[in-house]
Amino acid sequence: MSDYNASWGFDTFCIRGGHTAESNRAHLTPLYASSTYTFDSAEQSINVFKGDEKGYIYGRWGNPTINEAEEKIALLEAFSLTDASGNPLQLKAILHSSGMAALCTMIMGNMKAGQKLLTHFSLYGGTHELVEKILPNFGIEPVIIDFHDLDKVEAAVKADKSITLLHLETPANPTLQCIDLEALASLGKKYNLTVCVDNTFATPYLQQPFKYEVDFVMHSTTKFLNGHGTAIGGILVGRDIEKMNTSITKTHRLFGGNSNAFDAFLLTNGLRTFGLRMERHCSNASQVAGYLNNHTGVAHVNYLGLDNHPDHALAQRQMKHPGAMLSFELKGGFDAAIRFMNNLKMCTNAVSLGTCDTLLSHPASTTHMGVSREQRLKFGITDGLIRMSVGFENINDILNDLEQAI
């Protein structure tokens, strides 16, 4: 564990959190490109394997570069939060090769055949396909309902004791619907469910699910946490330290979804500017949303900062800002969306998000192509919907490119 001051501000944690002085006095934690580690004696290797002595064993089990990224993100998710005793909240994080790997560790480390996972409409396409097409092969069935109807959620849990895990994604991808974290975490606690929140869109800068006593938070670190589009990664953060150090760690190691030193190095350096980047992302997104909301070629805008978003009030309550993500429906449907994407000159046509540059994508033909059209429409993912991750180029340049593309 690194040394840190609990009174530090958020941006200070972004820069200094998780860092431990390195033996050669390097300013930044070096990239430890080693697959394995040595021991001074057979006795020391026994002690390290047993956990009686701290030390590194094998790259899949841990790495100093990876550990700094893990500790930094755990500190950010716990920022300003306290435990039941009033002490700073302690969390454990495990870095993975991708957000999907982190999600799989969470599910397989908490569920077994015959149990059911309860989740909601409008998930990230990969998550939706995992719970509907892959998990049933392992005897884990999904239950997908509208989480805005809390009575319906509770009725489903009461009626089916095989539901053991509640997975939330808020704001959801790509409709930006919000789920009531406080109410659903409370419901999960009432019925002894494991509760996990995908916090990728909001990030700990905007939203801290552990405030509501959820069990796990996960991210695709590829996105806003890295911030530069240079590395794929995912993180699983847990409240139960003992469980994270035992069964969850065992699942992670044996499934082999570990990160690597280079990607962790890039992530750590990206996190140093995380708070500063989010300020500009959010500022630009607010202006873009206002512009699109008044455009004659746009039928509808999904942005949590607009009064007409159905979850506007909820977002104000549980988020510090509406964020950097939005989506909008072009008049003209699928053909208009394709023309728009082809007309972009400055903004980037790419399916990821959270990078310095503005990224736009057409979910119906990319990220949600594997979801049936009937389901897409039910989730609000229409043929003319464009998802936008607002970067921090000059705001006038962003608006000018949108104008000419529309």
Protein backbone atom coordinates (compact mmCIF):
# COMPACT_ATOMS: atom_id res chain seq x y z
CA MET A 1 0.00 0.00 0.00
CA SER A 2 1.32 3.41 -0.91
CA ASP A 3 1.55 6.33 1.50
CA TYR A 4 -1.06 9.01 1.04
CA ASN A 5 -2.79 11.79 2.94
CA ALA A 6 -6.53 11.26 3.33
CA SER A 7 -7.06 15.03 3.20
CA TRP A 8 -5.67 15.35 -0.32
CA GLY A 9 -7.92 16.72 -3.06
CA PHE A 10 -9.16 14.62 -5.98
CA ASP A 11 -6.60 15.94 -8.47
CA THR A 12 -3.78 15.26 -6.03
CA PHE A 13 -4.89 11.64 -5.77
CA CYS A 14 -4.91 11.47 -9.58
CA ILE A 15 -1.24 12.42 -9.59
CA ARG A 16 0.16 11.00 -6.36
CA GLY A 17 -2.26 8.29 -5.28
CA GLY A 18 -0.96 4.72 -5.38
CA HIS A 19 2.68 5.70 -5.82
CA THR A 20 5.36 4.00 -3.72
CA ALA A 21 8.95 5.21 -3.72
CA GLU A 22 10.96 3.09 -6.13
CA SER A 23 14.33 1.66 -5.03
CA ASN A 24 16.26 3.46 -7.77
CA ARG A 25 14.45 6.73 -6.98
CA ALA A 26 12.73 7.01 -10.36
CA HIS A 27 10.32 9.95 -10.40
CA LEU A 28 7.56 7.84 -11.98
CA THR A 29 6.98 4.14 -11.41
CA PRO A 30 8.95 2.34 -14.14
CA LEU A 31 7.51 -0.15 -16.56
CA TYR A 32 8.32 -3.51 -15.00
CA ALA A 33 8.57 -5.70 -18.09
CA SER A 34 9.17 -8.98 -16.31
CA SER A 35 7.15 -12.17 -16.53
CA THR A 36 8.51 -13.60 -13.27
CA TYR A 37 10.36 -12.60 -10.09
CA THR A 38 13.23 -14.11 -8.13
CA PHE A 39 13.71 -15.17 -4.50
CA ASP A 40 16.72 -15.02 -2.20
CA SER A 41 16.03 -18.48 -0.85
CA ALA A 42 13.65 -21.43 -0.96
CA GLU A 43 12.33 -20.30 2.43
CA GLN A 44 11.48 -16.86 1.07
CA SER A 45 9.63 -18.32 -1.92
CA ILE A 46 7.60 -20.49 0.47
CA ASN A 47 6.71 -17.47 2.61
CA VAL A 48 5.71 -15.38 -0.39
CA PHE A 49 3.56 -18.16 -1.86
CA LYS A 50 1.88 -18.67 1.52
CA GLY A 51 1.27 -14.92 1.88
CA ASP A 52 3.38 -14.62 5.03
CA GLU A 53 5.78 -12.26 3.25
CA LYS A 54 4.98 -9.61 0.65
CA GLY A 55 6.54 -10.09 -2.74
CA TYR A 56 5.95 -10.65 -6.43
CA ILE A 57 5.82 -14.13 -7.91
CA TYR A 58 4.60 -14.13 -11.52
CA GLY A 59 3.34 -11.45 -13.90
CA ARG A 60 -0.18 -12.88 -14.03
CA TRP A 61 -0.34 -12.60 -10.24
CA GLY A 62 0.92 -9.05 -9.85
CA ASN A 63 3.34 -6.40 -11.02
CA PRO A 64 4.54 -3.10 -9.44
CA THR A 65 3.41 -1.03 -12.44
CA ILE A 66 0.00 -2.67 -12.40
CA ASN A 67 -0.36 -2.25 -8.65
CA GLU A 68 0.10 1.52 -8.83
CA ALA A 69 -2.78 1.82 -11.31
CA GLU A 70 -4.94 -0.42 -9.10
CA GLU A 71 -4.29 1.56 -5.93
CA LYS A 72 -4.80 4.90 -7.66
CA ILE A 73 -8.21 3.95 -9.03
CA ALA A 74 -9.28 2.41 -5.70
CA LEU A 75 -8.41 5.71 -4.00
CA LEU A 76 -10.38 7.70 -6.57
CA GLU A 77 -13.48 5.52 -6.14
CA ALA A 78 -13.19 5.88 -2.35
CA PHE A 79 -12.41 9.61 -2.42
CA SER A 80 -13.99 11.43 0.56
CA LEU A 81 -16.04 8.33 1.51
CA THR A 82 -15.92 6.73 4.96
CA ASP A 83 -16.72 3.29 6.35
CA ALA A 84 -19.18 2.45 9.13
CA SER A 85 -16.59 3.51 11.73
CA GLY A 86 -16.00 6.89 10.12
CA ASN A 87 -12.57 5.97 8.79
CA PRO A 88 -11.54 6.54 5.15
CA LEU A 89 -13.13 3.81 3.03
CA GLN A 90 -10.68 1.10 2.00
CA LEU A 91 -11.21 -0.61 -1.36
CA LYS A 92 -9.32 -3.24 -3.34
CA ALA A 93 -8.91 -3.02 -7.13
CA ILE A 94 -7.74 -5.60 -9.66
CA LEU A 95 -6.62 -4.44 -13.10
CA HIS A 96 -7.70 -6.58 -16.06
CA SER A 97 -6.89 -6.83 -19.75
CA SER A 98 -10.27 -5.24 -20.63
CA GLY A 99 -13.54 -4.08 -19.14
CA MET A 100 -15.16 -7.30 -20.34
CA ALA A 101 -12.50 -9.34 -18.51
CA ALA A 102 -13.24 -7.40 -15.31
CA LEU A 103 -16.96 -8.03 -15.78
CA CYS A 104 -16.38 -11.76 -16.33
CA THR A 105 -14.25 -12.01 -13.17
CA MET A 106 -16.99 -10.29 -11.20
CA ILE A 107 -19.74 -12.57 -12.51
CA MET A 108 -17.83 -15.87 -12.36
CA GLY A 109 -16.39 -15.00 -8.96
CA ASN A 110 -19.85 -14.45 -7.49
CA MET A 111 -22.22 -16.79 -9.35
CA LYS A 112 -22.68 -20.46 -10.10
CA ALA A 113 -24.88 -22.58 -12.35
CA GLY A 114 -28.55 -22.34 -11.47
CA GLN A 115 -28.38 -18.71 -10.37
CA LYS A 116 -29.72 -15.67 -12.22
CA LEU A 117 -28.32 -12.23 -12.97
CA LEU A 118 -30.76 -9.31 -12.87
CA THR A 119 -30.00 -6.35 -15.10
CA HIS A 120 -31.74 -3.71 -17.20
CA PHE A 121 -32.40 -2.47 -20.72
CA SER A 122 -29.88 -0.46 -22.77
CA LEU A 123 -26.59 -1.99 -21.72
CA TYR A 124 -23.30 -1.78 -23.57
CA GLY A 125 -23.65 -4.16 -26.52
CA GLY A 126 -20.85 -6.48 -25.35
CA THR A 127 -22.39 -6.77 -21.88
CA HIS A 128 -25.82 -7.46 -23.35
CA GLU A 129 -24.47 -10.23 -25.59
CA LEU A 130 -22.46 -11.74 -22.72
CA VAL A 131 -25.46 -12.05 -20.39
CA GLU A 132 -27.87 -13.22 -23.11
CA LYS A 133 -25.69 -15.43 -25.32
CA ILE A 134 -22.72 -16.67 -23.26
CA LEU A 135 -23.69 -16.95 -19.59
CA PRO A 136 -26.65 -19.29 -20.24
CA ASN A 137 -24.12 -21.82 -21.56
CA PHE A 138 -22.72 -21.90 -18.02
CA GLY A 139 -26.11 -22.21 -16.37
CA ILE A 140 -26.41 -18.53 -15.43
CA GLU A 141 -29.63 -17.03 -16.74
CA PRO A 142 -30.30 -13.30 -17.27
CA VAL A 143 -33.40 -11.47 -16.12
CA ILE A 144 -33.72 -8.15 -17.99
CA ILE A 145 -36.35 -5.63 -16.89
CA ASP A 146 -36.91 -1.88 -16.67
CA PHE A 147 -35.03 -0.67 -13.59
CA HIS A 148 -36.99 2.57 -13.55
CA ASP A 149 -39.91 0.55 -12.19
CA LEU A 150 -38.62 -0.22 -8.68
CA ASP A 151 -41.78 -2.10 -7.73
CA LYS A 152 -41.28 -4.40 -10.70
CA VAL A 153 -37.65 -4.96 -9.73
CA GLU A 154 -38.56 -5.87 -6.17
CA ALA A 155 -41.37 -8.13 -7.32
CA ALA A 156 -38.95 -10.00 -9.60
CA VAL A 157 -36.46 -10.51 -6.77
CA LYS A 158 -39.14 -11.65 -4.32
CA ALA A 159 -40.59 -14.09 -6.83
CA ASP A 160 -37.29 -15.73 -7.82
CA LYS A 161 -34.80 -16.72 -5.12
CA SER A 162 -32.31 -17.81 -7.77
CA ILE A 163 -31.58 -14.12 -8.54
CA THR A 164 -28.34 -13.44 -6.67
CA LEU A 165 -26.62 -10.61 -8.55
CA LEU A 166 -27.79 -7.15 -9.59
CA HIS A 167 -25.78 -5.45 -12.35
CA LEU A 168 -26.29 -1.76 -13.14
CA GLU A 169 -24.87 0.47 -15.85
CA THR A 170 -25.49 4.13 -15.18
CA PRO A 171 -25.48 6.27 -17.23
CA ALA A 172 -26.30 3.55 -19.73
CA ASN A 173 -24.74 3.15 -23.15
CA PRO A 174 -25.82 4.76 -25.48
CA THR A 175 -29.18 6.23 -24.38
CA LEU A 176 -27.75 7.87 -21.25
CA GLN A 177 -30.58 6.57 -19.10
CA CYS A 178 -29.81 6.75 -15.39
CA ILE A 179 -30.58 4.14 -12.77
CA ASP A 180 -31.29 5.12 -9.14
CA LEU A 181 -28.17 3.88 -7.37
CA GLU A 182 -29.38 4.57 -3.85
CA ALA A 183 -32.74 2.82 -4.30
CA LEU A 184 -31.36 -0.22 -6.12
CA ALA A 185 -28.39 -0.65 -3.80
CA SER A 186 -30.81 -0.53 -0.87
CA LEU A 187 -33.03 -3.13 -2.55
CA GLY A 188 -30.00 -5.33 -3.18
CA LYS A 189 -28.98 -5.11 0.45
CA LYS A 190 -32.54 -5.91 1.59
CA TYR A 191 -32.56 -9.16 -0.39
CA ASN A 192 -28.89 -10.05 0.13
CA LEU A 193 -27.96 -9.58 -3.54
CA THR A 194 -24.49 -8.82 -4.82
CA VAL A 195 -24.62 -5.37 -6.47
CA CYS A 196 -22.19 -4.28 -9.19
CA VAL A 197 -22.11 -0.94 -11.02
CA ASP A 198 -20.44 -0.25 -14.36
CA ASN A 199 -19.14 3.28 -13.76
CA THR A 200 -17.35 3.69 -17.11
CA PHE A 201 -19.47 6.54 -18.48
CA ALA A 202 -19.58 8.56 -15.26
CA THR A 203 -16.12 7.78 -13.81
CA PRO A 204 -15.31 8.48 -10.13
CA TYR A 205 -14.96 12.14 -11.08
CA LEU A 206 -18.73 12.39 -11.58
CA GLN A 207 -20.19 9.52 -9.54
CA GLN A 208 -19.14 7.25 -6.66
CA PRO A 209 -21.38 4.19 -6.36
CA PHE A 210 -19.64 3.02 -3.17
CA LYS A 211 -21.38 5.94 -1.47
CA TYR A 212 -24.49 3.74 -1.68
CA GLU A 213 -22.71 0.66 -0.30
CA VAL A 214 -22.63 -1.34 -3.53
CA ASP A 215 -20.33 -4.38 -3.53
CA PHE A 216 -18.40 -3.85 -6.77
CA VAL A 217 -17.63 -1.10 -9.26
CA MET A 218 -16.09 -1.82 -12.65
CA HIS A 219 -14.74 0.27 -15.51
CA SER A 220 -13.39 -0.07 -18.96
CA THR A 221 -10.19 1.84 -18.18
CA THR A 222 -9.72 2.11 -21.95
CA LYS A 223 -12.05 5.09 -21.85
CA PHE A 224 -11.90 8.23 -19.68
CA LEU A 225 -9.46 6.83 -17.10
CA ASN A 226 -6.73 6.27 -19.69
CA GLY A 227 -8.04 9.21 -21.68
CA HIS A 228 -5.75 8.94 -24.68
CA GLY A 229 -6.90 5.79 -26.47
CA THR A 230 -3.51 4.13 -26.05
CA ALA A 231 -4.36 0.95 -24.13
CA ILE A 232 -7.18 -1.51 -23.52
CA GLY A 233 -7.93 -2.25 -19.88
CA GLY A 234 -10.55 -2.88 -17.24
CA ILE A 235 -10.74 -2.65 -13.48
CA LEU A 236 -12.81 -4.36 -10.82
CA VAL A 237 -13.02 -2.56 -7.48
CA GLY A 238 -14.48 -4.29 -4.42
CA ARG A 239 -15.62 -3.29 -0.93
CA ASP A 240 -15.01 -6.68 0.71
CA ILE A 241 -11.22 -6.71 0.93
CA GLU A 242 -11.01 -10.31 2.13
CA LYS A 243 -13.17 -11.55 -0.73
CA MET A 244 -11.20 -9.51 -3.25
CA ASN A 245 -7.95 -10.99 -1.92
CA THR A 246 -9.23 -14.57 -1.98
CA SER A 247 -12.02 -15.86 -4.23
CA ILE A 248 -12.09 -12.88 -6.62
CA THR A 249 -8.30 -12.87 -6.97
CA LYS A 250 -8.33 -16.63 -7.55
CA THR A 251 -10.98 -16.28 -10.27
CA HIS A 252 -9.04 -13.45 -11.89
CA ARG A 253 -5.77 -15.34 -11.95
CA LEU A 254 -7.17 -18.63 -13.19
CA PHE A 255 -9.26 -17.06 -15.95
CA GLY A 256 -6.10 -15.23 -17.04
CA GLY A 257 -7.63 -11.83 -17.71
CA ASN A 258 -4.69 -9.94 -16.24
CA SER A 259 -3.39 -6.64 -17.57
CA ASN A 260 0.22 -6.03 -18.51
CA ALA A 261 2.88 -3.57 -17.40
CA PHE A 262 2.87 -1.45 -20.55
CA ASP A 263 -0.88 -0.86 -20.58
CA ALA A 264 -0.81 -0.16 -16.83
CA PHE A 265 2.03 2.34 -17.33
CA LEU A 266 0.00 4.17 -19.97
CA LEU A 267 -3.09 4.11 -17.75
CA THR A 268 -1.24 5.53 -14.75
CA ASN A 269 0.19 8.37 -16.79
CA GLY A 270 -3.22 9.10 -18.30
CA LEU A 271 -4.74 9.28 -14.82
CA ARG A 272 -2.36 12.08 -13.85
CA THR A 273 -4.42 14.49 -15.97
CA PHE A 274 -7.78 12.81 -15.36
CA GLY A 275 -9.44 15.56 -13.29
CA LEU A 276 -8.25 18.31 -15.59
CA ARG A 277 -9.44 16.44 -18.67
CA MET A 278 -12.88 15.78 -17.24
CA GLU A 279 -13.44 19.49 -16.58
CA ARG A 280 -12.98 20.30 -20.28
CA HIS A 281 -14.86 17.21 -21.49
CA CYS A 282 -17.89 18.19 -19.42
CA SER A 283 -17.78 21.86 -20.34
CA ASN A 284 -17.67 21.11 -24.07
CA ALA A 285 -20.39 18.45 -23.83
CA SER A 286 -22.82 20.91 -22.22
CA GLN A 287 -22.34 23.34 -25.10
CA VAL A 288 -22.65 20.63 -27.76
CA ALA A 289 -25.87 19.34 -26.21
CA GLY A 290 -27.40 22.81 -26.23
CA TYR A 291 -26.46 23.31 -29.86
CA LEU A 292 -27.88 19.94 -30.99
CA ASN A 293 -31.05 20.40 -28.94
CA ASN A 294 -31.90 23.46 -31.05
CA HIS A 295 -30.87 22.04 -34.44
CA THR A 296 -33.61 21.53 -37.01
CA GLY A 297 -31.96 18.37 -38.35
CA VAL A 298 -31.97 16.67 -34.94
CA ALA A 299 -35.11 14.95 -33.68
CA HIS A 300 -33.98 14.35 -30.12
CA VAL A 301 -30.94 14.67 -27.84
CA ASN A 302 -30.11 12.34 -24.95
CA TYR A 303 -28.06 14.42 -22.52
CA LEU A 304 -28.51 14.36 -18.78
CA GLY A 305 -28.00 18.10 -18.50
CA LEU A 306 -31.11 18.86 -20.56
CA ASP A 307 -34.40 19.37 -18.74
CA ASN A 308 -36.18 17.14 -21.26
CA HIS A 309 -34.14 14.04 -20.38
CA PRO A 310 -36.39 11.78 -18.27
CA ASP A 311 -33.55 11.13 -15.81
CA HIS A 312 -32.38 14.75 -15.54
CA ALA A 313 -33.43 15.14 -11.88
CA LEU A 314 -31.96 11.77 -10.88
CA ALA A 315 -28.64 12.61 -12.55
CA GLN A 316 -28.50 15.90 -10.69
CA ARG A 317 -28.94 14.01 -7.44
CA GLN A 318 -26.30 11.30 -7.91
CA MET A 319 -23.81 12.85 -10.34
CA LYS A 320 -21.62 15.92 -9.93
CA HIS A 321 -22.15 16.95 -13.59
CA PRO A 322 -24.15 15.54 -16.54
CA GLY A 323 -20.89 14.31 -18.03
CA ALA A 324 -19.15 14.13 -21.39
CA MET A 325 -21.37 11.60 -23.18
CA LEU A 326 -24.50 12.20 -25.23
CA SER A 327 -26.46 10.69 -28.08
CA PHE A 328 -28.81 12.24 -30.59
CA GLU A 329 -31.40 11.07 -33.09
CA LEU A 330 -31.06 12.46 -36.60
CA LYS A 331 -34.16 13.11 -38.67
CA GLY A 332 -34.06 10.70 -41.59
CA GLY A 333 -33.17 7.52 -39.66
CA PHE A 334 -30.51 5.05 -40.78
CA ASP A 335 -29.64 6.74 -44.09
CA ALA A 336 -29.25 10.14 -42.42
CA ALA A 337 -26.99 8.62 -39.79
CA ILE A 338 -24.74 6.99 -42.39
CA ARG A 339 -24.51 10.24 -44.37
CA PHE A 340 -23.65 12.13 -41.20
CA MET A 341 -20.86 9.73 -40.27
CA ASN A 342 -19.41 9.93 -43.80
CA ASN A 343 -19.54 13.74 -43.75
CA LEU A 344 -17.40 14.18 -40.63
CA LYS A 345 -14.16 16.03 -41.37
CA MET A 346 -12.56 16.81 -38.00
CA CYS A 347 -14.37 14.69 -35.42
CA THR A 348 -13.42 11.02 -35.38
CA ASN A 349 -15.54 8.08 -36.53
CA ALA A 350 -14.67 5.46 -33.89
CA VAL A 351 -16.55 3.19 -31.52
CA SER A 352 -14.64 3.94 -28.34
CA LEU A 353 -15.03 6.96 -26.02
CA GLY A 354 -13.29 9.08 -23.44
CA THR A 355 -10.29 10.18 -25.53
CA CYS A 356 -9.02 13.76 -25.95
CA ASP A 357 -10.58 13.97 -29.41
CA THR A 358 -14.31 13.89 -30.12
CA LEU A 359 -15.51 10.42 -31.13
CA LEU A 360 -18.82 9.63 -32.83
CA SER A 361 -20.33 6.28 -33.68
CA HIS A 362 -23.54 4.81 -35.07
CA PRO A 363 -24.60 2.09 -32.57
CA ALA A 364 -27.13 0.39 -34.89
CA SER A 365 -24.40 -0.50 -37.39
CA THR A 366 -21.48 -0.99 -34.97
CA THR A 367 -21.56 -1.63 -31.21
CA HIS A 368 -25.14 -2.97 -31.16
CA MET A 369 -25.12 -4.80 -34.49
CA GLY A 370 -25.28 -8.07 -32.56
CA VAL A 371 -28.48 -7.00 -30.78
CA SER A 372 -31.71 -7.65 -32.66
CA ARG A 373 -33.44 -4.59 -34.13
CA GLU A 374 -36.52 -5.33 -32.04
CA GLN A 375 -34.46 -5.24 -28.85
CA ARG A 376 -32.50 -2.18 -29.97
CA LEU A 377 -35.69 -0.21 -30.51
CA LYS A 378 -37.03 -1.37 -27.17
CA PHE A 379 -33.88 -0.06 -25.54
CA GLY A 380 -34.15 3.30 -27.37
CA ILE A 381 -31.27 2.52 -29.75
CA THR A 382 -32.93 3.65 -32.96
CA ASP A 383 -31.65 3.48 -36.53
CA GLY A 384 -30.76 7.17 -36.61
CA LEU A 385 -29.09 7.37 -33.20
CA ILE A 386 -25.55 8.76 -33.02
CA ARG A 387 -23.42 8.35 -29.89
CA MET A 388 -20.97 11.13 -29.11
CA SER A 389 -18.02 11.28 -26.73
CA VAL A 390 -17.22 14.98 -26.60
CA GLY A 391 -13.51 15.72 -26.61
CA PHE A 392 -11.71 18.90 -25.72
CA GLU A 393 -10.84 20.38 -29.05
CA ASN A 394 -11.81 24.04 -29.48
CA ILE A 395 -15.58 24.08 -29.00
CA ASN A 396 -16.19 26.13 -32.16
CA ASP A 397 -14.31 23.58 -34.25
CA ILE A 398 -16.48 20.77 -32.85
CA LEU A 399 -19.70 22.68 -33.53
CA ASN A 400 -18.62 23.67 -37.04
CA ASP A 401 -17.89 20.05 -37.94
CA LEU A 402 -21.25 18.89 -36.60
CA GLU A 403 -23.03 21.63 -38.55
CA GLN A 404 -21.49 20.74 -41.90
CA ALA A 405 -21.95 16.99 -41.29
CA ILE A 406 -25.66 17.33 -40.47
